[in-house]
C-alpha cells in the first residue's frame, strides 16, 4: 500500500483531485439555470468540464524524476495504462456526479465517450510533447470543437467531430475509442517524452 501512496504523491494526485473537485463544483454552481431532465442536446459546458478534469489529471503523466521513471525495476506499462484509464474514469465520474444532483449537461454515453477520447488525447500529448504539456491536445481539440463551424453529417464529419456528436453515433464512438487505445497504448509502452 505504501507504493500506491508514494506513486500518488509523485504524480501530483492530491493537487489533481483538488482541481477536478473545483471544476465539478464550478459546473454545478454555474449550471443551475440548466434543466435537470434528460439532456436532448449536449450542452457545451460538458466539453469544458471534461477537458478541464482531464487536463487537471494529465499533470500526473510524468513524475518529478524522469530518469527514475525509466530505470526503476518495476513494470511501468500496466501502471501507466491504469493511470490513463483512471483519469478518464474520474473525469467522467465528476461530470456524472454533478448531473446526478443538479444540471444535466449530456447523456451518460456522451460523457463516457468524450472522457475516453480526451484522456486518449492527453496520453498522446504526454508521449509527443511531454507530461508537462499533455493538456495541450485535449485543450486544442476542445478549442477546435467550439470554434470550427459544424462539420458535414457524413461518417468522416462524425468521426472528426466525435466530441459534439449525439449519443448513439457509431463513427464518433469508434473515433473516441481509437484515440483512447492509441494514446493509452503509446503512453503505456513509451512513457512521457523527456
Protein backbone atom coordinates (compact mmCIF):
# COMPACT_ATOMS: atom_id res chain seq x y z
CA UNK A 1 0.00 0.00 0.00
CA UNK A 2 2.92 2.31 0.66
CA UNK A 3 3.97 2.24 -3.01
CA UNK A 4 0.48 3.43 -4.01
CA UNK A 5 0.72 6.45 -1.69
CA UNK A 6 4.20 7.27 -2.96
CA UNK A 7 3.06 6.86 -6.56
CA UNK A 8 0.06 9.13 -5.99
CA UNK A 9 2.20 11.82 -4.40
CA UNK A 10 4.84 11.63 -7.14
CA UNK A 11 2.10 12.00 -9.78
CA UNK A 12 0.53 15.01 -8.03
CA UNK A 13 -2.75 13.17 -7.47
CA UNK A 14 -3.83 15.30 -4.47
CA UNK A 15 -3.47 18.53 -6.49
CA UNK A 16 -5.20 16.97 -9.48
CA UNK A 17 -8.06 15.73 -7.29
CA UNK A 18 -8.50 19.21 -5.84
CA UNK A 19 -8.58 20.73 -9.34
CA UNK A 20 -11.14 18.17 -10.54
CA UNK A 21 -13.29 18.91 -7.49
CA UNK A 22 -13.14 22.65 -8.20
CA UNK A 23 -14.08 22.13 -11.85
CA UNK A 24 -17.04 19.96 -10.85
CA UNK A 25 -18.20 22.45 -8.22
CA UNK A 26 -17.94 25.31 -10.70
CA UNK A 27 -20.03 23.33 -13.19
CA UNK A 28 -22.65 22.61 -10.54
CA UNK A 29 -22.87 26.26 -9.49
CA UNK A 30 -22.76 27.77 -12.97
CA UNK A 31 -25.16 25.20 -14.41
CA UNK A 32 -28.01 25.88 -12.01
CA UNK A 33 -30.12 27.52 -14.71
CA UNK A 34 -29.94 24.45 -16.93
CA UNK A 35 -32.77 21.93 -16.69
CA UNK A 36 -32.44 18.74 -14.69
CA UNK A 37 -34.28 16.49 -17.14
CA UNK A 38 -32.74 14.25 -19.77
CA UNK A 39 -30.36 16.21 -21.98
CA UNK A 40 -31.57 16.01 -25.59
CA UNK A 41 -28.65 18.03 -26.93
CA UNK A 42 -25.25 18.19 -25.31
CA UNK A 43 -24.58 21.46 -23.53
CA UNK A 44 -21.08 22.78 -24.35
CA UNK A 45 -20.44 23.03 -20.61
CA UNK A 46 -19.95 19.25 -20.63
CA UNK A 47 -17.00 19.61 -23.01
CA UNK A 48 -15.35 22.24 -20.81
CA UNK A 49 -15.85 20.22 -17.62
CA UNK A 50 -14.45 17.03 -19.14
CA UNK A 51 -11.49 18.81 -20.76
CA UNK A 52 -10.75 20.63 -17.50
CA UNK A 53 -10.83 17.42 -15.48
CA UNK A 54 -8.65 15.55 -17.98
CA UNK A 55 -6.19 18.46 -18.13
CA UNK A 56 -6.00 18.51 -14.33
CA UNK A 57 -5.30 14.78 -14.25
CA UNK A 58 -2.80 14.87 -17.09
CA UNK A 59 -0.16 16.63 -14.98
CA UNK A 60 0.45 13.25 -13.37
CA UNK A 61 1.51 11.56 -16.60
CA UNK A 62 5.12 12.12 -15.57
CA UNK A 63 6.90 12.00 -12.25
CA UNK A 64 9.39 14.53 -10.92
CA UNK A 65 12.37 12.38 -11.85
CA UNK A 66 12.23 11.22 -15.46
CA UNK A 67 15.35 9.09 -15.10
CA UNK A 68 13.78 7.19 -12.21
CA UNK A 69 10.69 6.52 -14.31
CA UNK A 70 12.89 4.96 -16.98
CA UNK A 71 15.25 2.95 -14.77
CA UNK A 72 13.15 1.71 -11.87
CA UNK A 73 12.96 -2.04 -11.50
CA UNK A 74 9.18 -2.15 -11.87
CA UNK A 75 6.95 -2.67 -14.87
CA UNK A 76 5.66 0.76 -15.85
CA UNK A 77 3.32 -0.23 -18.69
CA UNK A 78 0.48 -1.60 -16.50
CA UNK A 79 0.75 1.34 -14.11
CA UNK A 80 0.68 3.85 -16.96
CA UNK A 81 -2.30 2.14 -18.57
CA UNK A 82 -4.19 2.05 -15.27
CA UNK A 83 -3.34 5.69 -14.60
CA UNK A 84 -4.68 6.69 -18.03
CA UNK A 85 -7.93 4.80 -17.52
CA UNK A 86 -8.29 6.20 -14.01
CA UNK A 87 -8.01 9.79 -15.25
CA UNK A 88 -10.75 9.15 -17.81
CA UNK A 89 -12.95 7.43 -15.24
CA UNK A 90 -12.54 10.24 -12.70
CA UNK A 91 -13.32 12.91 -15.32
CA UNK A 92 -16.50 11.08 -16.36
CA UNK A 93 -17.47 10.39 -12.73
CA UNK A 94 -17.03 14.06 -11.79
CA UNK A 95 -19.43 15.21 -14.51
CA UNK A 96 -21.88 12.39 -13.84
CA UNK A 97 -21.86 13.26 -10.12
CA UNK A 98 -22.70 16.88 -10.95
CA UNK A 99 -25.51 15.69 -13.21
CA UNK A 100 -26.86 13.36 -10.52
CA UNK A 101 -27.53 16.22 -8.14
CA UNK A 102 -28.27 19.09 -10.48
CA UNK A 103 -27.94 20.27 -14.05
CA UNK A 104 -27.99 17.75 -16.87
CA UNK A 105 -25.39 18.65 -19.49
CA UNK A 106 -25.13 15.48 -21.58
CA UNK A 107 -26.24 11.88 -21.87
CA UNK A 108 -24.16 9.34 -19.95
CA UNK A 109 -22.96 7.74 -23.19
CA UNK A 110 -21.65 11.09 -24.42
CA UNK A 111 -19.87 11.75 -21.11
CA UNK A 112 -18.13 8.36 -21.17
CA UNK A 113 -17.24 8.62 -24.87
CA UNK A 114 -15.87 12.15 -24.59
CA UNK A 115 -13.84 11.46 -21.45
CA UNK A 116 -12.33 8.39 -23.14
CA UNK A 117 -11.37 10.37 -26.23
CA UNK A 118 -9.99 13.29 -24.24
CA UNK A 119 -7.83 11.13 -21.97
CA UNK A 120 -6.52 9.32 -25.04
CA UNK A 121 -5.54 12.70 -26.48
CA UNK A 122 -3.88 13.67 -23.19
CA UNK A 123 -1.88 10.42 -23.12
CA UNK A 124 -0.86 11.03 -26.72
CA UNK A 125 0.11 14.56 -25.72
CA UNK A 126 2.35 13.20 -22.98
CA UNK A 127 4.11 10.94 -25.48
CA UNK A 128 4.52 13.64 -28.14
CA UNK A 129 5.06 16.78 -26.04
CA UNK A 130 5.98 15.59 -22.55
CA UNK A 131 3.91 15.24 -19.41
CA UNK A 132 4.08 18.95 -18.64
CA UNK A 133 2.30 19.67 -21.96
CA UNK A 134 -0.06 16.68 -22.04
CA UNK A 135 -3.01 19.02 -21.56
CA UNK A 136 -2.41 20.73 -24.93
CA UNK A 137 -4.02 18.11 -27.17
CA UNK A 138 -7.33 17.79 -25.30
CA UNK A 139 -7.48 21.56 -24.85
CA UNK A 140 -6.67 22.10 -28.51
CA UNK A 141 -9.36 19.63 -29.53
CA UNK A 142 -11.83 21.44 -27.28
CA UNK A 143 -10.95 24.73 -29.00
CA UNK A 144 -11.36 23.08 -32.40
CA UNK A 145 -14.73 21.69 -31.36
CA UNK A 146 -16.01 25.01 -30.08
CA UNK A 147 -14.61 27.30 -32.78
CA UNK A 148 -14.99 25.34 -36.03
CA UNK A 149 -18.35 25.50 -37.80
CA UNK A 150 -20.44 22.32 -37.78
CA UNK A 151 -18.92 19.54 -39.84
CA UNK A 152 -20.79 17.68 -42.59
CA UNK A 153 -23.02 14.88 -41.26
CA UNK A 154 -21.17 12.14 -43.15
CA UNK A 155 -19.04 9.45 -41.49
CA UNK A 156 -15.82 11.47 -41.68
CA UNK A 157 -17.54 14.53 -40.21
CA UNK A 158 -18.95 12.44 -37.37
CA UNK A 159 -15.54 10.89 -36.68
CA UNK A 160 -13.73 14.25 -36.68
CA UNK A 161 -16.49 15.87 -34.64
CA UNK A 162 -16.70 12.96 -32.21
CA UNK A 163 -16.85 15.26 -29.23
CA UNK A 164 -20.06 17.03 -30.25
CA UNK A 165 -21.94 14.15 -31.85
CA UNK A 166 -25.11 12.94 -30.15
CA UNK A 167 -25.30 9.66 -28.28
CA UNK A 168 -25.52 6.58 -30.46
CA UNK A 169 -23.29 7.91 -33.25
CA UNK A 170 -21.13 4.94 -34.17
CA UNK A 171 -18.38 6.83 -36.01
CA UNK A 172 -17.93 9.18 -33.05
CA UNK A 173 -17.76 6.35 -30.57
CA UNK A 174 -15.16 4.50 -32.64
CA UNK A 175 -13.11 7.68 -33.06
CA UNK A 176 -13.04 8.20 -29.28
CA UNK A 177 -12.16 4.54 -28.67
CA UNK A 178 -9.37 4.76 -31.27
CA UNK A 179 -7.95 7.84 -29.51
CA UNK A 180 -8.09 6.10 -26.12
CA UNK A 181 -6.48 2.90 -27.37
CA UNK A 182 -3.80 4.65 -29.44
CA UNK A 183 -2.89 7.28 -26.85
CA UNK A 184 -3.14 4.88 -23.93
CA UNK A 185 -1.06 2.17 -25.59
CA UNK A 186 1.66 4.56 -26.74
CA UNK A 187 1.87 6.16 -23.30
CA UNK A 188 1.90 2.78 -21.53
CA UNK A 189 4.73 1.50 -23.69
CA UNK A 190 6.84 4.63 -24.30
CA UNK A 191 6.00 6.83 -21.34
CA UNK A 192 6.14 10.61 -21.45
CA UNK A 193 8.57 12.40 -23.70
CA UNK A 194 11.67 13.72 -21.95
